[in-house]
Amino acid sequence: MVTTAARGMLKTAAVIRHLYFEDLGTWEAVLTASGYRIHYCDIGMDELWTTPPLPI
């Protein structure tokens, strides 16, 4: 089986949260086990327009 990393594809979950202490909870383990990297963007702390675009 060819893994996603072996094919050169990088999966990212972009998470926009409005409370800095909240995270994905149980979803984080599921996503990371599936090969996703997690990218948090905090409203009020990070400028959304300055966030680099995610690769498609």
C-alpha atoms as a PDB file:
ATOM      1  CA  MET A   1       0.000   0.000   0.000  1.00  0.00           C
ATOM      2  CA  VAL A   2       1.337   3.440  -0.931  1.00  0.00           C
ATOM      3  CA  THR A   3       1.004   5.940   1.894  1.00  0.00           C
ATOM      4  CA  THR A   4      -0.004   9.550   1.394  1.00  0.00           C
ATOM      5  CA  ALA A   5       3.456  10.714   2.479  1.00  0.00           C
ATOM      6  CA  ALA A   6       5.076   8.418  -0.085  1.00  0.00           C
ATOM      7  CA  ARG A   7       3.002  10.005  -2.835  1.00  0.00           C
ATOM      8  CA  GLY A   8       4.127  13.466  -1.723  1.00  0.00           C
ATOM      9  CA  MET A   9       0.656  14.620  -0.677  1.00  0.00           C
ATOM     10  CA  LEU A  10       0.293  16.496   2.577  1.00  0.00           C
ATOM     11  CA  LYS A  11      -3.085  16.569   4.295  1.00  0.00           C
ATOM     12  CA  THR A  12      -3.890  19.499   6.583  1.00  0.00           C
ATOM     13  CA  ALA A  13      -6.943  20.152   8.722  1.00  0.00           C
ATOM     14  CA  ALA A  14      -7.433  23.923   9.048  1.00  0.00           C
ATOM     15  CA  VAL A  15      -9.211  24.632  12.330  1.00  0.00           C
ATOM     16  CA  ILE A  16     -10.659  28.083  12.993  1.00  0.00           C
ATOM     17  CA  ARG A  17     -11.501  28.495  16.649  1.00  0.00           C
ATOM     18  CA  HIS A  18     -13.063  31.369  18.511  1.00  0.00           C
ATOM     19  CA  LEU A  19     -11.838  30.328  21.983  1.00  0.00           C
ATOM     20  CA  TYR A  20      -8.084  29.778  22.216  1.00  0.00           C
ATOM     21  CA  PHE A  21      -8.344  26.921  24.732  1.00  0.00           C
ATOM     22  CA  GLU A  22     -10.711  24.784  22.679  1.00  0.00           C
ATOM     23  CA  ASP A  23      -9.234  22.092  20.482  1.00  0.00           C
ATOM     24  CA  LEU A  24     -10.563  19.305  18.295  1.00  0.00           C
ATOM     25  CA  GLY A  25     -11.053  16.968  21.234  1.00  0.00           C
ATOM     26  CA  THR A  26     -11.401  13.349  20.096  1.00  0.00           C
ATOM     27  CA  TRP A  27     -11.276  14.430  16.444  1.00  0.00           C
ATOM     28  CA  GLU A  28      -7.612  15.384  16.762  1.00  0.00           C
ATOM     29  CA  ALA A  29      -6.540  11.782  17.398  1.00  0.00           C
ATOM     30  CA  VAL A  30      -8.646  10.552  14.478  1.00  0.00           C
ATOM     31  CA  LEU A  31      -7.245  13.146  12.087  1.00  0.00           C
ATOM     32  CA  THR A  32      -3.600  12.698  13.087  1.00  0.00           C
ATOM     33  CA  ALA A  33      -3.936   8.899  12.869  1.00  0.00           C
ATOM     34  CA  SER A  34      -5.269   9.413   9.341  1.00  0.00           C
ATOM     35  CA  GLY A  35      -2.165  11.408   8.397  1.00  0.00           C
ATOM     36  CA  TYR A  36      -3.478  14.957   8.807  1.00  0.00           C
ATOM     37  CA  ARG A  37      -1.440  17.750  10.288  1.00  0.00           C
ATOM     38  CA  ILE A  38      -3.488  20.192  12.385  1.00  0.00           C
ATOM     39  CA  HIS A  39      -3.304  23.954  11.786  1.00  0.00           C
ATOM     40  CA  TYR A  40      -5.138  26.168  14.285  1.00  0.00           C
ATOM     41  CA  CYS A  41      -6.124  29.735  13.503  1.00  0.00           C
ATOM     42  CA  ASP A  42      -7.420  31.678  16.494  1.00  0.00           C
ATOM     43  CA  ILE A  43      -9.963  34.426  15.834  1.00  0.00           C
ATOM     44  CA  GLY A  44      -8.917  37.631  17.572  1.00  0.00           C
ATOM     45  CA  MET A  45      -5.284  36.516  17.786  1.00  0.00           C
ATOM     46  CA  ASP A  46      -4.421  35.535  14.218  1.00  0.00           C
ATOM     47  CA  GLU A  47      -5.250  37.585  11.171  1.00  0.00           C
ATOM     48  CA  LEU A  48      -7.058  35.267   8.763  1.00  0.00           C
ATOM     49  CA  TRP A  49      -5.921  37.258   5.757  1.00  0.00           C
ATOM     50  CA  THR A  50      -2.263  36.680   6.719  1.00  0.00           C
ATOM     51  CA  THR A  51      -2.655  32.924   7.055  1.00  0.00           C
ATOM     52  CA  PRO A  52      -0.743  31.243   4.238  1.00  0.00           C
ATOM     53  CA  PRO A  53      -2.974  29.346   1.816  1.00  0.00           C
ATOM     54  CA  LEU A  54      -3.141  25.605   2.300  1.00  0.00           C
ATOM     55  CA  PRO A  55      -1.918  23.417  -0.546  1.00  0.00           C
ATOM     56  CA  ILE A  56      -4.697  21.806  -2.537  1.00  0.00           C
END
